[in-house]
Amino acid sequence: MVWFSLVVLGLASFGLAGFCLGFAAPRRDRRLPLRQEAPQIESLLFPVVFAAPLYLWLAWSLWTSASVVVATSLFAGGLIAGCYYYRVSRAKVIGITGTIGSGKSLVGTILAEEGVPVIDTDHVVHRLLASDPLVHTALRARFGDDIFLPSGEIDRKKLRFIFKDKQAKADLEAVLHPRVKSECRRLIAELRGHRRVAVLVPLLFEAKMEGEYDEVWTVVASEEVVRARVKKRDNLTDDEVSARLAAQFPQEEKVKRSDRVLDNSGTIDDTRQVVKRTLAKLS
């Protein structure tokens, strides 16, 4: 009985600490780390820590059902408060996907204008192909030296053949996806002081990366608009555009798996209003 009461009251002291962290310090519009935002937090925790012996003495001398209820309630409250603190202090990570030509980059640009940090996995992939030694070693072993430029970088144009070779595409993704995921986690961790972080991921569903994000947004556009954009942007033939689209999930499938859908078939101003409305819903 005595040892049980000691454990319960000890947990209660930790519960009070969690209560202070959860409700005395955080704000929903937080931007700074805890110690900078609430330097008085140590003074709040000081009596909690040094009052622990008092809790233990009370548990030993005044064992009652009421003390168990109070101690358990304090611990439960501290646990809930700790969860609350975690939710309001970490960034909400939004994965943004869509087929090629749907307008993910435009949505990313608008989000950046609205103050949301944006990580573009296309840029991450380009950096990995340009200078990551692990990626170079793995791709050299799989595809040989022909895909490399004299400078030592990988020639992305020579990798276009993978859109016609399913096995080659799978092998390339098996090398890149884990490295991209690891790099994105590192970049997100560096942005932990922000309320939201957006990550542009063209193959989010194809790579089974839904679990990396708190929400998934899919950017869509009509097929005619998508084809026209890709053909003009990348100077591709109709057959090459079809091959690119066939290598990804269709828009309808991505829409079904998404938390929110942003239509980018109209003008830039139309899309800007769509993004702003979506952000307002989050707020």
Protein backbone atom coordinates (compact mmCIF):
# COMPACT_ATOMS: atom_id res chain seq x y z
CA MET A 1 0.00 0.00 0.00
CA VAL A 2 2.75 2.44 0.96
CA TRP A 3 4.82 1.76 -2.14
CA PHE A 4 1.76 2.09 -4.35
CA SER A 5 0.95 5.47 -2.80
CA LEU A 6 4.56 6.59 -3.36
CA VAL A 7 4.31 5.69 -7.06
CA VAL A 8 0.94 7.42 -7.48
CA LEU A 9 2.05 10.64 -5.80
CA GLY A 10 5.36 10.57 -7.66
CA LEU A 11 3.43 10.39 -10.91
CA ALA A 12 1.29 13.25 -9.69
CA SER A 13 4.37 15.46 -9.39
CA PHE A 14 5.27 14.70 -12.99
CA GLY A 15 1.66 15.39 -13.87
CA LEU A 16 1.93 18.87 -12.41
CA ALA A 17 5.08 19.46 -14.44
CA GLY A 18 3.20 18.40 -17.56
CA PHE A 19 0.35 20.71 -16.57
CA CYS A 20 2.73 23.67 -16.37
CA LEU A 21 4.27 22.81 -19.73
CA GLY A 22 0.92 22.22 -21.35
CA PHE A 23 -1.14 25.19 -20.19
CA ALA A 24 1.12 27.80 -18.65
CA ALA A 25 3.60 28.13 -21.51
CA PRO A 26 2.28 27.46 -25.04
CA ARG A 27 0.23 29.68 -27.30
CA ARG A 28 -1.30 28.69 -30.59
CA ASP A 29 0.57 31.42 -32.45
CA ARG A 30 3.92 30.37 -30.98
CA ARG A 31 7.00 31.09 -33.06
CA LEU A 32 9.89 30.87 -30.59
CA PRO A 33 11.33 27.91 -28.69
CA LEU A 34 9.92 27.41 -25.19
CA ARG A 35 12.81 28.90 -23.23
CA GLN A 36 12.75 32.10 -25.33
CA GLU A 37 8.99 32.45 -25.33
CA ALA A 38 8.39 31.66 -21.65
CA PRO A 39 11.62 32.17 -19.67
CA GLN A 40 9.58 31.98 -16.46
CA ILE A 41 8.90 28.28 -17.07
CA GLU A 42 11.75 27.26 -14.73
CA SER A 43 10.20 29.28 -11.91
CA LEU A 44 6.91 27.47 -12.53
CA LEU A 45 8.52 24.05 -12.37
CA PHE A 46 10.74 24.82 -9.37
CA PRO A 47 8.05 24.38 -6.68
CA VAL A 48 6.71 21.30 -8.46
CA VAL A 49 10.07 19.55 -8.41
CA PHE A 50 10.95 20.49 -4.86
CA ALA A 51 7.45 19.74 -3.57
CA ALA A 52 7.78 16.10 -4.64
CA PRO A 53 9.10 15.00 -1.18
CA LEU A 54 6.03 16.62 0.36
CA TYR A 55 3.76 14.60 -1.92
CA LEU A 56 5.58 11.43 -0.96
CA TRP A 57 5.30 12.19 2.77
CA LEU A 58 1.58 12.90 2.42
CA ALA A 59 1.12 9.65 0.54
CA TRP A 60 2.83 7.72 3.32
CA SER A 61 1.03 9.40 6.23
CA LEU A 62 -2.37 10.34 4.80
CA TRP A 63 -3.35 7.41 2.57
CA THR A 64 -6.97 7.88 1.57
CA SER A 65 -9.11 7.16 -1.44
CA ALA A 66 -9.38 10.89 -2.02
CA SER A 67 -5.62 11.26 -2.27
CA VAL A 68 -5.53 8.52 -4.91
CA VAL A 69 -8.23 10.26 -6.92
CA VAL A 70 -6.48 13.63 -6.71
CA ALA A 71 -3.07 12.21 -7.59
CA THR A 72 -4.44 10.18 -10.51
CA SER A 73 -6.34 13.20 -11.79
CA LEU A 74 -3.20 15.31 -11.63
CA PHE A 75 -1.26 12.71 -13.57
CA ALA A 76 -3.99 12.35 -16.21
CA GLY A 77 -4.24 16.11 -16.51
CA GLY A 78 -0.49 16.38 -16.95
CA LEU A 79 -0.51 13.71 -19.63
CA ILE A 80 -3.28 15.46 -21.55
CA ALA A 81 -1.52 18.79 -21.14
CA GLY A 82 1.72 17.28 -22.46
CA CYS A 83 -0.11 16.03 -25.56
CA TYR A 84 -1.64 19.47 -26.01
CA TYR A 85 1.76 21.08 -25.70
CA TYR A 86 3.18 18.72 -28.32
CA ARG A 87 0.38 19.49 -30.77
CA VAL A 88 0.61 23.27 -30.49
CA SER A 89 4.41 23.44 -30.49
CA ARG A 90 5.17 21.25 -33.52
CA ALA A 91 4.60 22.25 -37.13
CA LYS A 92 1.59 20.91 -38.98
CA VAL A 93 3.13 19.21 -42.02
CA ILE A 94 1.11 19.36 -45.23
CA GLY A 95 1.97 17.07 -48.13
CA ILE A 96 0.99 18.57 -51.48
CA THR A 97 0.74 16.30 -54.49
CA GLY A 98 -0.80 16.10 -57.94
CA THR A 99 0.03 14.87 -61.41
CA ILE A 100 2.62 16.65 -63.52
CA GLY A 101 1.21 19.88 -64.90
CA SER A 102 -1.43 20.19 -62.19
CA GLY A 103 0.20 23.24 -60.63
CA LYS A 104 1.90 22.06 -57.43
CA SER A 105 4.68 24.60 -57.84
CA LEU A 106 2.19 27.45 -58.18
CA VAL A 107 0.44 26.37 -54.99
CA GLY A 108 3.83 26.18 -53.28
CA THR A 109 4.67 29.71 -54.43
CA ILE A 110 1.38 31.06 -53.08
CA LEU A 111 1.87 29.27 -49.76
CA ALA A 112 5.33 30.81 -49.49
CA GLU A 113 3.78 34.24 -50.12
CA GLU A 114 1.41 33.51 -47.23
CA GLY A 115 4.31 32.80 -44.91
CA VAL A 116 4.27 28.99 -45.04
CA PRO A 117 7.74 27.41 -45.51
CA VAL A 118 7.75 25.14 -48.57
CA ILE A 119 10.02 22.17 -49.25
CA ASP A 120 10.10 21.05 -52.88
CA THR A 121 11.11 17.41 -53.24
CA ASP A 122 12.01 18.02 -56.88
CA HIS A 123 14.77 20.31 -55.64
CA VAL A 124 15.77 17.71 -53.08
CA VAL A 125 16.02 15.07 -55.82
CA HIS A 126 18.09 17.40 -57.99
CA ARG A 127 20.56 17.95 -55.14
CA LEU A 128 20.79 14.22 -54.49
CA LEU A 129 21.39 13.46 -58.17
CA ALA A 130 23.98 16.22 -58.35
CA SER A 131 26.10 15.47 -55.31
CA ASP A 132 24.94 12.64 -53.05
CA PRO A 133 27.66 9.94 -53.04
CA LEU A 134 25.32 7.18 -51.84
CA VAL A 135 22.89 7.88 -54.69
CA HIS A 136 25.72 8.03 -57.22
CA THR A 137 27.18 4.73 -56.10
CA ALA A 138 23.82 2.94 -56.20
CA LEU A 139 22.80 4.33 -59.59
CA ARG A 140 26.20 3.67 -61.13
CA ALA A 141 25.92 0.05 -60.05
CA ARG A 142 22.43 -0.23 -61.54
CA PHE A 143 22.62 1.86 -64.72
CA GLY A 144 26.33 2.16 -65.45
CA ASP A 145 28.47 5.16 -66.32
CA ASP A 146 26.40 6.27 -69.32
CA ILE A 147 24.00 8.31 -67.18
CA PHE A 148 26.81 10.45 -65.75
CA LEU A 149 28.12 13.74 -67.11
CA PRO A 150 31.86 14.42 -67.38
CA SER A 151 31.49 16.65 -64.30
CA GLY A 152 30.42 13.61 -62.28
CA GLU A 153 26.80 14.67 -61.96
CA ILE A 154 23.94 12.51 -63.17
CA ASP A 155 22.42 13.57 -66.49
CA ARG A 156 18.70 13.74 -65.74
CA LYS A 157 17.84 13.80 -69.43
CA LYS A 158 19.41 10.37 -69.88
CA LEU A 159 17.17 9.06 -67.12
CA ARG A 160 14.02 9.79 -69.12
CA PHE A 161 14.05 6.25 -70.47
CA ILE A 162 12.74 5.03 -67.11
CA PHE A 163 9.26 6.24 -68.04
CA LYS A 164 9.19 3.42 -70.61
CA ASP A 165 10.86 0.82 -68.40
CA LYS A 166 8.87 -0.10 -65.30
CA GLN A 167 11.67 -2.10 -63.71
CA ALA A 168 14.22 0.68 -64.23
CA LYS A 169 11.76 3.19 -62.76
CA ALA A 170 11.20 0.97 -59.72
CA ASP A 171 14.95 0.57 -59.22
CA LEU A 172 15.51 4.33 -59.42
CA GLU A 173 12.73 5.02 -56.92
CA ALA A 174 14.08 2.36 -54.54
CA VAL A 175 17.31 4.36 -54.39
CA LEU A 176 15.84 7.87 -54.27
CA HIS A 177 12.72 7.60 -52.13
CA PRO A 178 14.41 6.64 -48.83
CA ARG A 179 17.00 9.39 -49.28
CA VAL A 180 14.32 11.97 -50.15
CA LYS A 181 12.25 10.94 -47.13
CA SER A 182 15.25 11.24 -44.82
CA GLU A 183 16.24 14.64 -46.22
CA CYS A 184 12.68 15.99 -45.93
CA ARG A 185 12.49 14.90 -42.30
CA ARG A 186 15.71 16.77 -41.61
CA LEU A 187 14.43 19.93 -43.31
CA ILE A 188 11.09 19.73 -41.47
CA ALA A 189 12.91 19.39 -38.15
CA GLU A 190 14.80 22.59 -38.92
CA LEU A 191 11.45 24.39 -39.39
CA ARG A 192 9.89 23.22 -36.12
CA GLY A 193 9.28 26.80 -34.93
CA HIS A 194 6.65 27.35 -37.63
CA ARG A 195 2.96 26.54 -37.35
CA ARG A 196 2.82 24.90 -40.79
CA VAL A 197 5.26 23.43 -43.29
CA ALA A 198 4.30 22.38 -46.82
CA VAL A 199 6.13 19.67 -48.77
CA LEU A 200 5.63 19.34 -52.53
CA VAL A 201 5.68 15.60 -53.34
CA PRO A 202 4.70 14.59 -56.91
CA LEU A 203 4.75 10.83 -56.15
CA LEU A 204 3.38 11.02 -52.61
CA PHE A 205 0.85 8.22 -53.00
CA GLU A 206 2.95 6.18 -55.40
CA ALA A 207 5.77 6.17 -52.84
CA LYS A 208 3.34 5.35 -49.99
CA MET A 209 4.39 8.44 -48.03
CA GLU A 210 0.97 9.45 -46.69
CA GLY A 211 2.07 8.67 -43.14
CA GLU A 212 4.72 11.39 -43.30
CA TYR A 213 2.16 14.20 -43.29
CA ASP A 214 -0.64 15.52 -41.07
CA GLU A 215 -2.72 16.40 -44.13
CA VAL A 216 -2.49 15.64 -47.83
CA TRP A 217 -3.64 18.17 -50.43
CA THR A 218 -4.04 17.23 -54.07
CA VAL A 219 -3.80 19.88 -56.77
CA VAL A 220 -5.94 19.08 -59.81
CA ALA A 221 -6.62 20.56 -63.23
CA SER A 222 -8.53 19.41 -66.30
CA GLU A 223 -6.72 16.86 -68.47
CA GLU A 224 -6.57 19.28 -71.39
CA VAL A 225 -4.90 21.91 -69.23
CA VAL A 226 -2.47 19.38 -67.74
CA ARG A 227 -1.40 18.07 -71.14
CA ALA A 228 -0.96 21.55 -72.58
CA ARG A 229 1.15 22.67 -69.61
CA VAL A 230 3.44 19.65 -69.67
CA LYS A 231 3.87 19.71 -73.43
CA LYS A 232 4.81 23.39 -73.42
CA ARG A 233 6.96 23.32 -70.27
CA ASP A 234 9.07 20.25 -71.08
CA ASN A 235 8.89 20.41 -74.89
CA LEU A 236 7.48 16.88 -75.11
CA THR A 237 5.49 15.07 -77.75
CA ASP A 238 1.95 13.84 -77.09
CA ASP A 239 3.23 10.29 -76.65
CA GLU A 240 5.86 11.42 -74.15
CA VAL A 241 3.23 13.34 -72.18
CA SER A 242 1.02 10.24 -72.11
CA ALA A 243 3.93 8.15 -70.87
CA ARG A 244 4.61 10.62 -68.06
CA LEU A 245 0.98 10.65 -66.98
CA ALA A 246 0.71 6.85 -67.18
CA ALA A 247 3.64 6.54 -64.78
CA GLN A 248 1.59 8.22 -62.02
CA PHE A 249 -1.72 7.53 -60.32
CA PRO A 250 -4.64 9.18 -62.14
CA GLN A 251 -6.00 12.37 -60.64
CA GLU A 252 -9.23 10.66 -59.57
CA GLU A 253 -7.32 8.16 -57.44
CA LYS A 254 -5.28 10.90 -55.77
CA VAL A 255 -8.41 12.89 -55.02
CA LYS A 256 -9.97 9.90 -53.24
CA ARG A 257 -6.96 9.56 -50.95
CA SER A 258 -6.60 13.26 -50.10
CA ASP A 259 -7.80 15.36 -47.20
CA ARG A 260 -8.28 18.46 -49.38
CA VAL A 261 -8.47 19.13 -53.12
CA LEU A 262 -7.33 22.37 -54.77
CA ASP A 263 -8.54 23.11 -58.31
CA ASN A 264 -5.93 24.87 -60.42
CA SER A 265 -7.74 24.85 -63.76
CA GLY A 266 -8.32 28.62 -63.75
CA THR A 267 -6.17 31.70 -63.50
CA ILE A 268 -3.39 32.35 -61.01
CA ASP A 269 -5.68 34.68 -59.06
CA ASP A 270 -8.31 31.94 -58.91
CA THR A 271 -5.78 29.51 -57.47
CA ARG A 272 -4.54 32.12 -55.01
CA GLN A 273 -8.06 32.49 -53.63
CA VAL A 274 -8.42 28.70 -53.40
CA VAL A 275 -5.20 28.45 -51.38
CA LYS A 276 -6.18 31.31 -49.08
CA ARG A 277 -9.59 29.77 -48.40
CA THR A 278 -7.97 26.43 -47.62
CA LEU A 279 -5.52 28.03 -45.19
CA ALA A 280 -8.40 29.89 -43.54
CA LYS A 281 -10.15 26.56 -42.95
CA LEU A 282 -7.04 25.28 -41.20
CA SER A 283 -6.98 28.32 -38.93
